[in-house]
Amino acid sequence: MKRMRCRLRVLMAEREITQTQLRESLGLGSHTISKLYNNRFDRVDRETIEKLCDYFSIEVGDLFVLKDEE
């Protein structure tokens, strides 16, 4: 079985961005960022995905990946 994983933690680390900096730059809630950062999300709003992809200059497939569940 595969599980969707968000690569937000990796993208932020590569750019040395904190959750606070990201929240302030995008106007997203801290709860939203935390859930994606820690892969504890069930649903993600399309606008949130678009903001993150624009911010990091990436495609959706660079933000979310499907991984085999162990």
C-alpha atoms as a PDB file:
ATOM      1  CA  MET A   1       0.000   0.000   0.000  1.00  0.00           C
ATOM      2  CA  LYS A   2       1.249   3.469  -0.853  1.00  0.00           C
ATOM      3  CA  ARG A   3       0.947   6.588   1.264  1.00  0.00           C
ATOM      4  CA  MET A   4       1.190  10.199   0.146  1.00  0.00           C
ATOM      5  CA  ARG A   5       4.074  12.077   1.754  1.00  0.00           C
ATOM      6  CA  CYS A   6       4.764  15.804   1.691  1.00  0.00           C
ATOM      7  CA  ARG A   7       8.338  16.905   1.042  1.00  0.00           C
ATOM      8  CA  LEU A   8       7.881  20.286   2.746  1.00  0.00           C
ATOM      9  CA  ARG A   9      10.431  19.471   5.469  1.00  0.00           C
ATOM     10  CA  VAL A  10      13.073  18.666   2.821  1.00  0.00           C
ATOM     11  CA  LEU A  11      12.307  21.746   0.722  1.00  0.00           C
ATOM     12  CA  MET A  12      12.493  24.019   3.748  1.00  0.00           C
ATOM     13  CA  ALA A  13      15.776  22.479   4.923  1.00  0.00           C
ATOM     14  CA  GLU A  14      17.340  22.893   1.473  1.00  0.00           C
ATOM     15  CA  ARG A  15      16.487  26.598   1.565  1.00  0.00           C
ATOM     16  CA  GLU A  16      17.090  27.036   5.301  1.00  0.00           C
ATOM     17  CA  ILE A  17      13.576  28.391   5.850  1.00  0.00           C
ATOM     18  CA  THR A  18      11.757  28.122   9.162  1.00  0.00           C
ATOM     19  CA  GLN A  19       8.065  27.398   9.568  1.00  0.00           C
ATOM     20  CA  THR A  20       7.589  30.934  10.873  1.00  0.00           C
ATOM     21  CA  GLN A  21       9.269  32.456   7.815  1.00  0.00           C
ATOM     22  CA  LEU A  22       7.133  30.340   5.505  1.00  0.00           C
ATOM     23  CA  ARG A  23       3.951  31.221   7.389  1.00  0.00           C
ATOM     24  CA  GLU A  24       4.721  34.934   7.235  1.00  0.00           C
ATOM     25  CA  SER A  25       5.683  34.818   3.542  1.00  0.00           C
ATOM     26  CA  LEU A  26       2.606  32.893   2.405  1.00  0.00           C
ATOM     27  CA  GLY A  27      -0.017  33.880   4.936  1.00  0.00           C
ATOM     28  CA  LEU A  28      -0.726  30.250   5.786  1.00  0.00           C
ATOM     29  CA  GLY A  29      -1.738  29.120   9.248  1.00  0.00           C
ATOM     30  CA  SER A  30       0.870  27.589  11.508  1.00  0.00           C
ATOM     31  CA  HIS A  31      -1.353  24.516  11.951  1.00  0.00           C
ATOM     32  CA  THR A  32      -1.468  23.975   8.171  1.00  0.00           C
ATOM     33  CA  ILE A  33       2.297  24.214   7.790  1.00  0.00           C
ATOM     34  CA  SER A  34       2.927  21.999  10.804  1.00  0.00           C
ATOM     35  CA  LYS A  35       0.611  19.258   9.526  1.00  0.00           C
ATOM     36  CA  LEU A  36       2.329  19.213   6.118  1.00  0.00           C
ATOM     37  CA  TYR A  37       5.813  19.473   7.634  1.00  0.00           C
ATOM     38  CA  ASN A  38       5.139  16.483   9.896  1.00  0.00           C
ATOM     39  CA  ASN A  39       3.129  14.486   7.338  1.00  0.00           C
ATOM     40  CA  ARG A  40       0.027  14.461   9.526  1.00  0.00           C
ATOM     41  CA  PHE A  41      -2.477  15.687   6.967  1.00  0.00           C
ATOM     42  CA  ASP A  42      -5.585  14.120   5.505  1.00  0.00           C
ATOM     43  CA  ARG A  43      -6.519  16.847   3.047  1.00  0.00           C
ATOM     44  CA  VAL A  44      -4.761  19.857   1.571  1.00  0.00           C
ATOM     45  CA  ASP A  45      -6.500  22.874   0.118  1.00  0.00           C
ATOM     46  CA  ARG A  46      -5.712  23.541  -3.549  1.00  0.00           C
ATOM     47  CA  GLU A  47      -4.804  27.164  -2.761  1.00  0.00           C
ATOM     48  CA  THR A  48      -2.262  25.978  -0.174  1.00  0.00           C
ATOM     49  CA  ILE A  49      -0.655  23.632  -2.710  1.00  0.00           C
ATOM     50  CA  GLU A  50      -0.503  26.408  -5.305  1.00  0.00           C
ATOM     51  CA  LYS A  51       1.093  28.840  -2.835  1.00  0.00           C
ATOM     52  CA  LEU A  52       3.738  26.304  -1.818  1.00  0.00           C
ATOM     53  CA  CYS A  53       4.530  25.322  -5.401  1.00  0.00           C
ATOM     54  CA  ASP A  54       4.828  28.967  -6.436  1.00  0.00           C
ATOM     55  CA  TYR A  55       6.974  29.812  -3.419  1.00  0.00           C
ATOM     56  CA  PHE A  56       9.433  26.978  -4.044  1.00  0.00           C
ATOM     57  CA  SER A  57       9.143  27.179  -7.882  1.00  0.00           C
ATOM     58  CA  ILE A  58       8.234  23.498  -8.078  1.00  0.00           C
ATOM     59  CA  GLU A  59       5.523  21.265  -9.494  1.00  0.00           C
ATOM     60  CA  VAL A  60       2.993  19.377  -7.384  1.00  0.00           C
ATOM     61  CA  GLY A  61       4.930  16.135  -7.940  1.00  0.00           C
ATOM     62  CA  ASP A  62       7.956  17.759  -6.298  1.00  0.00           C
ATOM     63  CA  LEU A  63       5.908  18.605  -3.197  1.00  0.00           C
ATOM     64  CA  PHE A  64       4.002  15.329  -2.795  1.00  0.00           C
ATOM     65  CA  VAL A  65       5.225  11.791  -3.463  1.00  0.00           C
ATOM     66  CA  LEU A  66       3.714   8.332  -3.029  1.00  0.00           C
ATOM     67  CA  LYS A  67       5.816   5.987  -0.919  1.00  0.00           C
ATOM     68  CA  ASP A  68       5.372   2.370   0.038  1.00  0.00           C
ATOM     69  CA  GLU A  69       4.064   2.072   3.571  1.00  0.00           C
ATOM     70  CA  GLU A  70       6.206  -0.110   5.808  1.00  0.00           C
END
